[in-house]
Amino acid sequence: MTTKVALACSICQSRNYSTNKNKQTHMNRIEMKKFCKVCNEHTLHRETK
């Protein structure tokens, strides 16, 4: 079972990406390094509510 989550930039807090998350295997919040269009660099993006 998967749920749709949004990924927000840790610097500017803009929500740039959305992805699916498996509820059973990922109990913690997802963190990925992605490119932020607002900051114009690769930053850490975290799952938001």
PDB file of N, CA and C in Angstrom:
ATOM      1  N   MET A   1       0.844  -1.173   0.000  1.00  0.00           N
ATOM      2  CA  MET A   1       0.000   0.000   0.000  1.00  0.00           C
ATOM      3  C   MET A   1       0.893   1.242   0.000  1.00  0.00           C
ATOM      4  N   THR A   2       0.649   2.140  -0.913  1.00  0.00           N
ATOM      5  CA  THR A   2       1.478   3.334  -1.030  1.00  0.00           C
ATOM      6  C   THR A   2       0.648   4.596  -0.808  1.00  0.00           C
ATOM      7  N   THR A   3       1.334   5.632  -0.383  1.00  0.00           N
ATOM      8  CA  THR A   3       0.701   6.933  -0.207  1.00  0.00           C
ATOM      9  C   THR A   3       1.523   7.973  -0.953  1.00  0.00           C
ATOM     10  N   LYS A   4       0.871   9.026  -1.407  1.00  0.00           N
ATOM     11  CA  LYS A   4       1.538  10.108  -2.110  1.00  0.00           C
ATOM     12  C   LYS A   4       2.033  11.123  -1.090  1.00  0.00           C
ATOM     13  N   VAL A   5       3.331  11.491  -1.181  1.00  0.00           N
ATOM     14  CA  VAL A   5       3.916  12.460  -0.258  1.00  0.00           C
ATOM     15  C   VAL A   5       4.611  13.551  -1.060  1.00  0.00           C
ATOM     16  N   ALA A   6       4.767  14.707  -0.459  1.00  0.00           N
ATOM     17  CA  ALA A   6       5.462  15.835  -1.081  1.00  0.00           C
ATOM     18  C   ALA A   6       6.840  15.975  -0.448  1.00  0.00           C
ATOM     19  N   LEU A   7       7.818  16.364  -1.272  1.00  0.00           N
ATOM     20  CA  LEU A   7       9.173  16.603  -0.791  1.00  0.00           C
ATOM     21  C   LEU A   7       9.447  18.094  -0.826  1.00  0.00           C
ATOM     22  N   ALA A   8       9.886  18.653   0.312  1.00  0.00           N
ATOM     23  CA  ALA A   8      10.144  20.085   0.422  1.00  0.00           C
ATOM     24  C   ALA A   8      11.629  20.334   0.632  1.00  0.00           C
ATOM     25  N   CYS A   9      12.123  21.402   0.053  1.00  0.00           N
ATOM     26  CA  CYS A   9      13.523  21.801   0.193  1.00  0.00           C
ATOM     27  C   CYS A   9      13.788  22.188   1.652  1.00  0.00           C
ATOM     28  N   SER A  10      14.939  21.748   2.176  1.00  0.00           N
ATOM     29  CA  SER A  10      15.259  22.054   3.574  1.00  0.00           C
ATOM     30  C   SER A  10      15.718  23.493   3.766  1.00  0.00           C
ATOM     31  N   ILE A  11      16.109  24.187   2.689  1.00  0.00           N
ATOM     32  CA  ILE A  11      16.587  25.564   2.801  1.00  0.00           C
ATOM     33  C   ILE A  11      15.454  26.567   2.603  1.00  0.00           C
ATOM     34  N   CYS A  12      14.755  26.490   1.454  1.00  0.00           N
ATOM     35  CA  CYS A  12      13.735  27.495   1.141  1.00  0.00           C
ATOM     36  C   CYS A  12      12.308  27.013   1.426  1.00  0.00           C
ATOM     37  N   GLN A  13      12.129  25.763   1.813  1.00  0.00           N
ATOM     38  CA  GLN A  13      10.833  25.174   2.189  1.00  0.00           C
ATOM     39  C   GLN A  13       9.824  25.109   1.050  1.00  0.00           C
ATOM     40  N   SER A  14      10.269  25.207  -0.211  1.00  0.00           N
ATOM     41  CA  SER A  14       9.340  25.087  -1.331  1.00  0.00           C
ATOM     42  C   SER A  14       9.137  23.612  -1.656  1.00  0.00           C
ATOM     43  N   ARG A  15       7.894  23.262  -1.953  1.00  0.00           N
ATOM     44  CA  ARG A  15       7.557  21.873  -2.263  1.00  0.00           C
ATOM     45  C   ARG A  15       7.716  21.657  -3.763  1.00  0.00           C
ATOM     46  N   ASN A  16       8.818  21.002  -4.149  1.00  0.00           N
ATOM     47  CA  ASN A  16       9.174  20.855  -5.554  1.00  0.00           C
ATOM     48  C   ASN A  16       8.805  19.505  -6.138  1.00  0.00           C
ATOM     49  N   TYR A  17       8.813  18.467  -5.349  1.00  0.00           N
ATOM     50  CA  TYR A  17       8.641  17.112  -5.860  1.00  0.00           C
ATOM     51  C   TYR A  17       7.549  16.374  -5.099  1.00  0.00           C
ATOM     52  N   SER A  18       6.949  15.395  -5.767  1.00  0.00           N
ATOM     53  CA  SER A  18       6.021  14.485  -5.107  1.00  0.00           C
ATOM     54  C   SER A  18       6.406  13.075  -5.503  1.00  0.00           C
ATOM     55  N   THR A  19       6.210  12.127  -4.590  1.00  0.00           N
ATOM     56  CA  THR A  19       6.590  10.748  -4.827  1.00  0.00           C
ATOM     57  C   THR A  19       5.651   9.836  -4.053  1.00  0.00           C
ATOM     58  N   ASN A  20       5.748   8.544  -4.320  1.00  0.00           N
ATOM     59  CA  ASN A  20       4.964   7.559  -3.596  1.00  0.00           C
ATOM     60  C   ASN A  20       5.836   6.900  -2.543  1.00  0.00           C
ATOM     61  N   LYS A  21       5.229   6.581  -1.418  1.00  0.00           N
ATOM     62  CA  LYS A  21       5.950   5.993  -0.298  1.00  0.00           C
ATOM     63  C   LYS A  21       5.239   4.727   0.141  1.00  0.00           C
ATOM     64  N   ASN A  22       5.991   3.658   0.308  1.00  0.00           N
ATOM     65  CA  ASN A  22       5.437   2.409   0.797  1.00  0.00           C
ATOM     66  C   ASN A  22       5.248   2.517   2.303  1.00  0.00           C
ATOM     67  N   LYS A  23       4.028   2.359   2.782  1.00  0.00           N
ATOM     68  CA  LYS A  23       3.724   2.527   4.204  1.00  0.00           C
ATOM     69  C   LYS A  23       4.387   1.476   5.077  1.00  0.00           C
ATOM     70  N   GLN A  24       4.500   0.255   4.574  1.00  0.00           N
ATOM     71  CA  GLN A  24       4.988  -0.840   5.401  1.00  0.00           C
ATOM     72  C   GLN A  24       6.497  -0.808   5.614  1.00  0.00           C
ATOM     73  N   THR A  25       7.272  -0.357   4.624  1.00  0.00           N
ATOM     74  CA  THR A  25       8.727  -0.397   4.760  1.00  0.00           C
ATOM     75  C   THR A  25       9.328   0.924   5.237  1.00  0.00           C
ATOM     76  N   HIS A  26       8.680   2.051   4.968  1.00  0.00           N
ATOM     77  CA  HIS A  26       9.225   3.363   5.348  1.00  0.00           C
ATOM     78  C   HIS A  26       8.400   3.955   6.492  1.00  0.00           C
ATOM     79  N   MET A  27       8.852   3.738   7.694  1.00  0.00           N
ATOM     80  CA  MET A  27       8.165   4.307   8.846  1.00  0.00           C
ATOM     81  C   MET A  27       8.656   5.732   9.128  1.00  0.00           C
ATOM     82  N   ASN A  28       9.898   6.035   8.761  1.00  0.00           N
ATOM     83  CA  ASN A  28      10.460   7.363   8.976  1.00  0.00           C
ATOM     84  C   ASN A  28      10.198   8.239   7.761  1.00  0.00           C
ATOM     85  N   ARG A  29      10.527   9.514   7.880  1.00  0.00           N
ATOM     86  CA  ARG A  29      10.352  10.435   6.766  1.00  0.00           C
ATOM     87  C   ARG A  29      11.461  10.237   5.740  1.00  0.00           C
ATOM     88  N   ILE A  30      11.099  10.382   4.464  1.00  0.00           N
ATOM     89  CA  ILE A  30      12.045  10.207   3.367  1.00  0.00           C
ATOM     90  C   ILE A  30      12.901  11.463   3.233  1.00  0.00           C
ATOM     91  N   GLU A  31      14.212  11.277   2.986  1.00  0.00           N
ATOM     92  CA  GLU A  31      15.127  12.375   2.719  1.00  0.00           C
ATOM     93  C   GLU A  31      15.932  12.034   1.481  1.00  0.00           C
ATOM     94  N   MET A  32      15.954  12.955   0.507  1.00  0.00           N
ATOM     95  CA  MET A  32      16.695  12.747  -0.739  1.00  0.00           C
ATOM     96  C   MET A  32      17.388  14.037  -1.134  1.00  0.00           C
ATOM     97  N   LYS A  33      18.526  13.915  -1.815  1.00  0.00           N
ATOM     98  CA  LYS A  33      19.173  15.087  -2.398  1.00  0.00           C
ATOM     99  C   LYS A  33      18.596  15.279  -3.784  1.00  0.00           C
ATOM    100  N   LYS A  34      17.946  16.439  -4.011  1.00  0.00           N
ATOM    101  CA  LYS A  34      17.313  16.761  -5.281  1.00  0.00           C
ATOM    102  C   LYS A  34      17.703  18.182  -5.676  1.00  0.00           C
ATOM    103  N   PHE A  35      17.449  18.506  -6.951  1.00  0.00           N
ATOM    104  CA  PHE A  35      17.727  19.854  -7.434  1.00  0.00           C
ATOM    105  C   PHE A  35      16.549  20.765  -7.116  1.00  0.00           C
ATOM    106  N   CYS A  36      16.823  21.888  -6.481  1.00  0.00           N
ATOM    107  CA  CYS A  36      15.799  22.879  -6.153  1.00  0.00           C
ATOM    108  C   CYS A  36      15.883  24.009  -7.178  1.00  0.00           C
ATOM    109  N   LYS A  37      14.769  24.282  -7.857  1.00  0.00           N
ATOM    110  CA  LYS A  37      14.737  25.331  -8.879  1.00  0.00           C
ATOM    111  C   LYS A  37      14.823  26.721  -8.256  1.00  0.00           C
ATOM    112  N   VAL A  38      14.328  26.877  -7.034  1.00  0.00           N
ATOM    113  CA  VAL A  38      14.350  28.182  -6.371  1.00  0.00           C
ATOM    114  C   VAL A  38      15.765  28.517  -5.893  1.00  0.00           C
ATOM    115  N   CYS A  39      16.437  27.551  -5.249  1.00  0.00           N
ATOM    116  CA  CYS A  39      17.800  27.755  -4.749  1.00  0.00           C
ATOM    117  C   CYS A  39      18.844  27.612  -5.852  1.00  0.00           C
ATOM    118  N   ASN A  40      18.482  26.948  -6.952  1.00  0.00           N
ATOM    119  CA  ASN A  40      19.366  26.705  -8.096  1.00  0.00           C
ATOM    120  C   ASN A  40      20.582  25.866  -7.707  1.00  0.00           C
ATOM    121  N   GLU A  41      20.379  24.870  -6.841  1.00  0.00           N
ATOM    122  CA  GLU A  41      21.441  23.951  -6.449  1.00  0.00           C
ATOM    123  C   GLU A  41      20.832  22.671  -5.895  1.00  0.00           C
ATOM    124  N   HIS A  42      21.656  21.655  -5.712  1.00  0.00           N
ATOM    125  CA  HIS A  42      21.203  20.399  -5.131  1.00  0.00           C
ATOM    126  C   HIS A  42      21.144  20.562  -3.608  1.00  0.00           C
ATOM    127  N   THR A  43      19.972  20.306  -3.039  1.00  0.00           N
ATOM    128  CA  THR A  43      19.783  20.428  -1.599  1.00  0.00           C
ATOM    129  C   THR A  43      19.044  19.203  -1.074  1.00  0.00           C
ATOM    130  N   LEU A  44      19.013  19.062   0.221  1.00  0.00           N
ATOM    131  CA  LEU A  44      18.297  17.964   0.851  1.00  0.00           C
ATOM    132  C   LEU A  44      16.813  18.276   0.864  1.00  0.00           C
ATOM    133  N   HIS A  45      16.006  17.341   0.352  1.00  0.00           N
ATOM    134  CA  HIS A  45      14.556  17.484   0.339  1.00  0.00           C
ATOM    135  C   HIS A  45      13.968  16.447   1.301  1.00  0.00           C
ATOM    136  N   ARG A  46      13.069  16.909   2.157  1.00  0.00           N
ATOM    137  CA  ARG A  46      12.457  16.041   3.166  1.00  0.00           C
ATOM    138  C   ARG A  46      10.964  15.905   2.922  1.00  0.00           C
ATOM    139  N   GLU A  47      10.423  14.797   3.369  1.00  0.00           N
ATOM    140  CA  GLU A  47       8.994  14.543   3.246  1.00  0.00           C
ATOM    141  C   GLU A  47       8.223  15.485   4.167  1.00  0.00           C
ATOM    142  N   THR A  48       7.127  16.039   3.641  1.00  0.00           N
ATOM    143  CA  THR A  48       6.250  16.898   4.428  1.00  0.00           C
ATOM    144  C   THR A  48       4.918  16.208   4.643  1.00  0.00           C
ATOM    145  N   LYS A  49       4.135  16.747   5.534  1.00  0.00           N
ATOM    146  CA  LYS A  49       2.824  16.167   5.815  1.00  0.00           C
ATOM    147  C   LYS A  49       1.835  16.480   4.733  1.00  0.00           C
TER     148      LYS A  49
END
